[in-house]
Amino acid sequence: MTGELGARRQLQEVSAVLAAAAIRPVALKGAALLESAYLTPGLRPMVDLDLLVDEAQLDTAVGALTASGYHPHPALRTPTTS
């Protein structure tokens, strides 16, 4: 992901993958500010997206994202990734 434009595109893609699995993520930190605080692309350098999902849906979220080519962060420990 390169810069804010890449982050916006990734956030849209990840949100669509999760929506298809009936999961609605909550964007946190920089991802949450993309639409409201940084009106000029490039003002907010980003290298990752922080998203919150319901704990009961975590395995489903990881599975949906993994099937779409994403990989969980090594620090994430769930029954499906540990």
Protein backbone atom coordinates (compact mmCIF):
# COMPACT_ATOMS: atom_id res chain seq x y z
CA MET A 1 0.00 0.00 0.00
CA THR A 2 1.46 3.35 -0.93
CA GLY A 3 0.06 6.48 0.64
CA GLU A 4 -3.48 7.58 1.23
CA LEU A 5 -4.82 6.66 -2.22
CA GLY A 6 -3.55 3.11 -1.84
CA ALA A 7 -5.01 2.97 1.67
CA ARG A 8 -8.41 4.16 0.45
CA ARG A 9 -8.43 1.55 -2.30
CA GLN A 10 -7.37 -1.20 0.11
CA LEU A 11 -9.98 -0.13 2.68
CA GLN A 12 -12.70 -0.28 0.00
CA GLU A 13 -11.52 -3.71 -1.16
CA VAL A 14 -11.23 -5.17 2.34
CA SER A 15 -14.60 -3.72 3.31
CA ALA A 16 -16.20 -5.33 0.25
CA VAL A 17 -14.65 -8.72 1.06
CA LEU A 18 -15.90 -8.52 4.63
CA ALA A 19 -19.34 -7.26 3.58
CA ALA A 20 -19.69 -10.29 1.32
CA ALA A 21 -19.11 -12.39 4.46
CA ALA A 22 -21.76 -10.35 6.35
CA ILE A 23 -19.11 -8.61 8.47
CA ARG A 24 -19.03 -4.86 9.02
CA PRO A 25 -15.57 -3.72 10.13
CA VAL A 26 -14.88 -0.55 12.08
CA ALA A 27 -11.90 1.42 10.78
CA LEU A 28 -9.51 2.58 13.49
CA LYS A 29 -6.69 5.11 13.69
CA GLY A 30 -5.46 6.38 10.30
CA ALA A 31 -7.99 4.37 8.29
CA ALA A 32 -10.81 5.99 10.25
CA LEU A 33 -9.49 9.45 9.38
CA LEU A 34 -9.06 8.95 5.62
CA GLU A 35 -12.46 10.39 4.68
CA SER A 36 -12.81 13.01 7.39
CA ALA A 37 -9.45 14.53 8.26
CA TYR A 38 -7.22 14.17 5.21
CA LEU A 39 -8.89 15.83 2.26
CA THR A 40 -5.65 16.09 0.28
CA PRO A 41 -4.23 12.73 -0.82
CA GLY A 42 -0.73 12.11 0.45
CA LEU A 43 -1.01 14.01 3.72
CA ARG A 44 -1.36 10.77 5.69
CA PRO A 45 1.31 8.20 4.85
CA MET A 46 0.05 4.70 5.66
CA VAL A 47 1.48 1.20 5.52
CA ASP A 48 -1.38 -0.76 7.07
CA LEU A 49 -5.08 -0.66 7.94
CA ASP A 50 -6.37 -1.16 11.46
CA LEU A 51 -9.85 -2.68 11.50
CA LEU A 52 -12.02 -3.94 14.32
CA VAL A 53 -14.42 -6.84 13.82
CA ASP A 54 -16.71 -8.58 16.27
CA GLU A 55 -14.75 -11.27 18.10
CA ALA A 56 -17.44 -13.82 17.21
CA GLN A 57 -16.77 -13.08 13.52
CA LEU A 58 -12.97 -13.06 13.68
CA ASP A 59 -12.45 -16.54 12.23
CA THR A 60 -14.86 -15.77 9.39
CA ALA A 61 -13.13 -12.45 8.71
CA VAL A 62 -9.67 -14.03 8.65
CA GLY A 63 -10.94 -16.80 6.37
CA ALA A 64 -12.61 -14.38 3.95
CA LEU A 65 -9.55 -12.12 3.77
CA THR A 66 -7.14 -15.06 3.43
CA ALA A 67 -9.25 -16.46 0.58
CA SER A 68 -8.93 -13.05 -1.10
CA GLY A 69 -5.14 -13.07 -0.90
CA TYR A 70 -4.58 -11.22 2.37
CA HIS A 71 -2.50 -12.63 5.20
CA PRO A 72 -3.04 -12.11 8.93
CA HIS A 73 -0.39 -10.24 10.87
CA PRO A 74 1.91 -12.72 12.65
CA ALA A 75 0.80 -11.29 16.02
CA LEU A 76 -2.83 -12.26 15.34
CA ARG A 77 -3.64 -15.48 17.15
CA THR A 78 -6.98 -17.12 16.42
CA PRO A 79 -8.04 -20.75 16.28
CA THR A 80 -7.68 -20.67 12.48
CA THR A 81 -4.26 -19.01 12.42
CA SER A 82 -2.44 -20.38 15.47
